Amino acid sequence: MAFLEVIKTILDNKSQILHLTSEQREEIKQLQEQINQGIFITQDQLDEEFEKWANEN
């Protein structure tokens, strides 16, 4: 989720002109669609999954 927060911060910063490639714009569009569909996990969920994985190994 931190990645998306960084992208949101960049996009919200209107004092800069942000030049994105068409691939970057497409990836952002796809990520926004996934968020709207609820296809994501929170940082807390990711941390929990990592802890489980780390304890198994």
PDB file of N, CA and C in Angstrom:
ATOM      1  N   MET A   1       0.819  -1.189   0.000  1.00  0.00           N
ATOM      2  CA  MET A   1       0.000   0.000   0.000  1.00  0.00           C
ATOM      3  C   MET A   1       0.864   1.253   0.000  1.00  0.00           C
ATOM      4  N   ALA A   2       2.051   1.163   0.549  1.00  0.00           N
ATOM      5  CA  ALA A   2       2.930   2.320   0.595  1.00  0.00           C
ATOM      6  C   ALA A   2       3.222   2.834  -0.807  1.00  0.00           C
ATOM      7  N   PHE A   3       3.380   1.925  -1.763  1.00  0.00           N
ATOM      8  CA  PHE A   3       3.624   2.336  -3.149  1.00  0.00           C
ATOM      9  C   PHE A   3       2.494   3.203  -3.657  1.00  0.00           C
ATOM     10  N   LEU A   4       1.270   2.791  -3.381  1.00  0.00           N
ATOM     11  CA  LEU A   4       0.114   3.561  -3.840  1.00  0.00           C
ATOM     12  C   LEU A   4       0.022   4.902  -3.133  1.00  0.00           C
ATOM     13  N   GLU A   5       0.404   4.946  -1.877  1.00  0.00           N
ATOM     14  CA  GLU A   5       0.400   6.207  -1.152  1.00  0.00           C
ATOM     15  C   GLU A   5       1.404   7.178  -1.756  1.00  0.00           C
ATOM     16  N   VAL A   6       2.560   6.669  -2.159  1.00  0.00           N
ATOM     17  CA  VAL A   6       3.560   7.512  -2.803  1.00  0.00           C
ATOM     18  C   VAL A   6       3.018   8.048  -4.125  1.00  0.00           C
ATOM     19  N   ILE A   7       2.405   7.193  -4.909  1.00  0.00           N
ATOM     20  CA  ILE A   7       1.820   7.625  -6.176  1.00  0.00           C
ATOM     21  C   ILE A   7       0.757   8.682  -5.932  1.00  0.00           C
ATOM     22  N   LYS A   8      -0.098   8.466  -4.940  1.00  0.00           N
ATOM     23  CA  LYS A   8      -1.152   9.432  -4.630  1.00  0.00           C
ATOM     24  C   LYS A   8      -0.548  10.768  -4.220  1.00  0.00           C
ATOM     25  N   THR A   9       0.487  10.741  -3.403  1.00  0.00           N
ATOM     26  CA  THR A   9       1.149  11.972  -2.975  1.00  0.00           C
ATOM     27  C   THR A   9       1.710  12.721  -4.175  1.00  0.00           C
ATOM     28  N   ILE A  10       2.334  11.993  -5.068  1.00  0.00           N
ATOM     29  CA  ILE A  10       2.889  12.621  -6.264  1.00  0.00           C
ATOM     30  C   ILE A  10       1.776  13.243  -7.096  1.00  0.00           C
ATOM     31  N   LEU A  11       0.704  12.501  -7.284  1.00  0.00           N
ATOM     32  CA  LEU A  11      -0.390  13.002  -8.115  1.00  0.00           C
ATOM     33  C   LEU A  11      -1.125  14.166  -7.447  1.00  0.00           C
ATOM     34  N   ASP A  12      -1.179  14.168  -6.122  1.00  0.00           N
ATOM     35  CA  ASP A  12      -1.848  15.241  -5.397  1.00  0.00           C
ATOM     36  C   ASP A  12      -1.031  16.530  -5.376  1.00  0.00           C
ATOM     37  N   ASN A  13       0.255  16.417  -5.607  1.00  0.00           N
ATOM     38  CA  ASN A  13       1.127  17.582  -5.568  1.00  0.00           C
ATOM     39  C   ASN A  13       0.975  18.353  -6.877  1.00  0.00           C
ATOM     40  N   LYS A  14       0.178  19.387  -6.831  1.00  0.00           N
ATOM     41  CA  LYS A  14      -0.160  20.116  -8.050  1.00  0.00           C
ATOM     42  C   LYS A  14       0.875  21.187  -8.419  1.00  0.00           C
ATOM     43  N   SER A  15       1.883  21.367  -7.588  1.00  0.00           N
ATOM     44  CA  SER A  15       2.890  22.378  -7.880  1.00  0.00           C
ATOM     45  C   SER A  15       3.964  21.861  -8.834  1.00  0.00           C
ATOM     46  N   GLN A  16       3.928  20.587  -9.132  1.00  0.00           N
ATOM     47  CA  GLN A  16       4.898  20.005 -10.049  1.00  0.00           C
ATOM     48  C   GLN A  16       4.191  19.475 -11.282  1.00  0.00           C
ATOM     49  N   ILE A  17       4.891  19.520 -12.382  1.00  0.00           N
ATOM     50  CA  ILE A  17       4.393  18.867 -13.589  1.00  0.00           C
ATOM     51  C   ILE A  17       5.030  17.487 -13.615  1.00  0.00           C
ATOM     52  N   LEU A  18       4.182  16.487 -13.661  1.00  0.00           N
ATOM     53  CA  LEU A  18       4.659  15.118 -13.613  1.00  0.00           C
ATOM     54  C   LEU A  18       4.554  14.514 -15.009  1.00  0.00           C
ATOM     55  N   HIS A  19       5.660  14.053 -15.522  1.00  0.00           N
ATOM     56  CA  HIS A  19       5.688  13.451 -16.847  1.00  0.00           C
ATOM     57  C   HIS A  19       5.773  11.938 -16.687  1.00  0.00           C
ATOM     58  N   LEU A  20       4.700  11.264 -17.061  1.00  0.00           N
ATOM     59  CA  LEU A  20       4.650   9.814 -16.963  1.00  0.00           C
ATOM     60  C   LEU A  20       4.655   9.206 -18.358  1.00  0.00           C
ATOM     61  N   THR A  21       5.249   8.031 -18.437  1.00  0.00           N
ATOM     62  CA  THR A  21       5.194   7.300 -19.699  1.00  0.00           C
ATOM     63  C   THR A  21       3.794   6.707 -19.842  1.00  0.00           C
ATOM     64  N   SER A  22       3.466   6.274 -21.023  1.00  0.00           N
ATOM     65  CA  SER A  22       2.161   5.656 -21.228  1.00  0.00           C
ATOM     66  C   SER A  22       2.046   4.371 -20.398  1.00  0.00           C
ATOM     67  N   GLU A  23       3.157   3.672 -20.207  1.00  0.00           N
ATOM     68  CA  GLU A  23       3.149   2.464 -19.387  1.00  0.00           C
ATOM     69  C   GLU A  23       2.865   2.801 -17.924  1.00  0.00           C
ATOM     70  N   GLN A  24       3.448   3.879 -17.425  1.00  0.00           N
ATOM     71  CA  GLN A  24       3.208   4.293 -16.050  1.00  0.00           C
ATOM     72  C   GLN A  24       1.753   4.709 -15.856  1.00  0.00           C
ATOM     73  N   ARG A  25       1.211   5.459 -16.818  1.00  0.00           N
ATOM     74  CA  ARG A  25      -0.194   5.867 -16.726  1.00  0.00           C
ATOM     75  C   ARG A  25      -1.112   4.651 -16.745  1.00  0.00           C
ATOM     76  N   GLU A  26      -0.799   3.671 -17.575  1.00  0.00           N
ATOM     77  CA  GLU A  26      -1.613   2.459 -17.652  1.00  0.00           C
ATOM     78  C   GLU A  26      -1.540   1.670 -16.348  1.00  0.00           C
ATOM     79  N   GLU A  27      -0.348   1.571 -15.768  1.00  0.00           N
ATOM     80  CA  GLU A  27      -0.205   0.852 -14.506  1.00  0.00           C
ATOM     81  C   GLU A  27      -0.998   1.544 -13.397  1.00  0.00           C
ATOM     82  N   ILE A  28      -0.945   2.860 -13.343  1.00  0.00           N
ATOM     83  CA  ILE A  28      -1.710   3.609 -12.339  1.00  0.00           C
ATOM     84  C   ILE A  28      -3.202   3.387 -12.547  1.00  0.00           C
ATOM     85  N   LYS A  29      -3.634   3.407 -13.788  1.00  0.00           N
ATOM     86  CA  LYS A  29      -5.053   3.170 -14.082  1.00  0.00           C
ATOM     87  C   LYS A  29      -5.473   1.773 -13.612  1.00  0.00           C
ATOM     88  N   GLN A  30      -4.653   0.778 -13.884  1.00  0.00           N
ATOM     89  CA  GLN A  30      -4.957  -0.590 -13.465  1.00  0.00           C
ATOM     90  C   GLN A  30      -4.984  -0.705 -11.945  1.00  0.00           C
ATOM     91  N   LEU A  31      -4.042  -0.048 -11.272  1.00  0.00           N
ATOM     92  CA  LEU A  31      -4.014  -0.086  -9.813  1.00  0.00           C
ATOM     93  C   LEU A  31      -5.243   0.590  -9.223  1.00  0.00           C
ATOM     94  N   GLN A  32      -5.669   1.694  -9.810  1.00  0.00           N
ATOM     95  CA  GLN A  32      -6.874   2.369  -9.328  1.00  0.00           C
ATOM     96  C   GLN A  32      -8.099   1.469  -9.501  1.00  0.00           C
ATOM     97  N   GLU A  33      -8.167   0.754 -10.615  1.00  0.00           N
ATOM     98  CA  GLU A  33      -9.284  -0.170 -10.840  1.00  0.00           C
ATOM     99  C   GLU A  33      -9.267  -1.298  -9.810  1.00  0.00           C
ATOM    100  N   GLN A  34      -8.075  -1.809  -9.497  1.00  0.00           N
ATOM    101  CA  GLN A  34      -7.964  -2.866  -8.494  1.00  0.00           C
ATOM    102  C   GLN A  34      -8.407  -2.357  -7.125  1.00  0.00           C
ATOM    103  N   ILE A  35      -8.018  -1.157  -6.774  1.00  0.00           N
ATOM    104  CA  ILE A  35      -8.433  -0.581  -5.495  1.00  0.00           C
ATOM    105  C   ILE A  35      -9.945  -0.441  -5.456  1.00  0.00           C
ATOM    106  N   ASN A  36     -10.530   0.062  -6.528  1.00  0.00           N
ATOM    107  CA  ASN A  36     -11.980   0.221  -6.583  1.00  0.00           C
ATOM    108  C   ASN A  36     -12.711  -1.113  -6.453  1.00  0.00           C
ATOM    109  N   GLN A  37     -12.085  -2.194  -6.897  1.00  0.00           N
ATOM    110  CA  GLN A  37     -12.675  -3.528  -6.818  1.00  0.00           C
ATOM    111  C   GLN A  37     -12.334  -4.231  -5.506  1.00  0.00           C
ATOM    112  N   GLY A  38     -11.556  -3.567  -4.670  1.00  0.00           N
ATOM    113  CA  GLY A  38     -11.175  -4.157  -3.391  1.00  0.00           C
ATOM    114  C   GLY A  38     -10.065  -5.181  -3.500  1.00  0.00           C
ATOM    115  N   ILE A  39      -9.332  -5.158  -4.605  1.00  0.00           N
ATOM    116  CA  ILE A  39      -8.255  -6.126  -4.832  1.00  0.00           C
ATOM    117  C   ILE A  39      -6.937  -5.507  -4.353  1.00  0.00           C
ATOM    118  N   PHE A  40      -6.740  -5.569  -3.049  1.00  0.00           N
ATOM    119  CA  PHE A  40      -5.513  -5.070  -2.451  1.00  0.00           C
ATOM    120  C   PHE A  40      -5.433  -5.594  -1.026  1.00  0.00           C
ATOM    121  N   ILE A  41      -4.253  -5.481  -0.431  1.00  0.00           N
ATOM    122  CA  ILE A  41      -4.124  -5.762   0.992  1.00  0.00           C
ATOM    123  C   ILE A  41      -3.470  -4.547   1.635  1.00  0.00           C
ATOM    124  N   THR A  42      -3.759  -4.367   2.904  1.00  0.00           N
ATOM    125  CA  THR A  42      -3.184  -3.237   3.626  1.00  0.00           C
ATOM    126  C   THR A  42      -1.756  -3.566   4.047  1.00  0.00           C
ATOM    127  N   GLN A  43      -1.027  -2.551   4.451  1.00  0.00           N
ATOM    128  CA  GLN A  43       0.334  -2.764   4.939  1.00  0.00           C
ATOM    129  C   GLN A  43       0.315  -3.664   6.166  1.00  0.00           C
ATOM    130  N   ASP A  44      -0.680  -3.471   7.035  1.00  0.00           N
ATOM    131  CA  ASP A  44      -0.788  -4.322   8.227  1.00  0.00           C
ATOM    132  C   ASP A  44      -0.986  -5.785   7.841  1.00  0.00           C
ATOM    133  N   GLN A  45      -1.841  -6.041   6.850  1.00  0.00           N
ATOM    134  CA  GLN A  45      -2.059  -7.412   6.394  1.00  0.00           C
ATOM    135  C   GLN A  45      -0.776  -7.990   5.802  1.00  0.00           C
ATOM    136  N   LEU A  46      -0.079  -7.192   5.033  1.00  0.00           N
ATOM    137  CA  LEU A  46       1.182  -7.637   4.440  1.00  0.00           C
ATOM    138  C   LEU A  46       2.209  -7.950   5.521  1.00  0.00           C
ATOM    139  N   ASP A  47       2.264  -7.094   6.547  1.00  0.00           N
ATOM    140  CA  ASP A  47       3.193  -7.339   7.659  1.00  0.00           C
ATOM    141  C   ASP A  47       2.863  -8.652   8.365  1.00  0.00           C
ATOM    142  N   GLU A  48       1.570  -8.921   8.574  1.00  0.00           N
ATOM    143  CA  GLU A  48       1.158 -10.165   9.214  1.00  0.00           C
ATOM    144  C   GLU A  48       1.559 -11.374   8.368  1.00  0.00           C
ATOM    145  N   GLU A  49       1.326 -11.285   7.070  1.00  0.00           N
ATOM    146  CA  GLU A  49       1.703 -12.377   6.168  1.00  0.00           C
ATOM    147  C   GLU A  49       3.205 -12.607   6.201  1.00  0.00           C
ATOM    148  N   PHE A  50       3.963 -11.529   6.211  1.00  0.00           N
ATOM    149  CA  PHE A  50       5.414 -11.654   6.256  1.00  0.00           C
ATOM    150  C   PHE A  50       5.859 -12.315   7.558  1.00  0.00           C
ATOM    151  N   GLU A  51       5.262 -11.897   8.675  1.00  0.00           N
ATOM    152  CA  GLU A  51       5.604 -12.496   9.962  1.00  0.00           C
ATOM    153  C   GLU A  51       5.333 -13.989   9.973  1.00  0.00           C
ATOM    154  N   LYS A  52       4.180 -14.402   9.435  1.00  0.00           N
ATOM    155  CA  LYS A  52       3.847 -15.827   9.356  1.00  0.00           C
ATOM    156  C   LYS A  52       4.895 -16.561   8.526  1.00  0.00           C
ATOM    157  N   TRP A  53       5.227 -15.982   7.376  1.00  0.00           N
ATOM    158  CA  TRP A  53       6.209 -16.595   6.491  1.00  0.00           C
ATOM    159  C   TRP A  53       7.571 -16.697   7.174  1.00  0.00           C
ATOM    160  N   ALA A  54       7.974 -15.598   7.824  1.00  0.00           N
ATOM    161  CA  ALA A  54       9.290 -15.569   8.469  1.00  0.00           C
ATOM    162  C   ALA A  54       9.363 -16.596   9.592  1.00  0.00           C
ATOM    163  N   ASN A  55       8.273 -16.786  10.321  1.00  0.00           N
ATOM    164  CA  ASN A  55       8.276 -17.745  11.429  1.00  0.00           C
ATOM    165  C   ASN A  55       8.264 -19.180  10.951  1.00  0.00           C
ATOM    166  N   GLU A  56       7.802 -19.423   9.733  1.00  0.00           N
ATOM    167  CA  GLU A  56       7.788 -20.772   9.181  1.00  0.00           C
ATOM    168  C   GLU A  56       9.166 -21.183   8.676  1.00  0.00           C
ATOM    169  N   ASN A  57       9.999 -20.228   8.376  1.00  0.00           N
ATOM    170  CA  ASN A  57      11.316 -20.535   7.775  1.00  0.00           C
ATOM    171  C   ASN A  57      12.453 -20.343   8.729  1.00  0.00           C
TER     172      ASN A  57
END
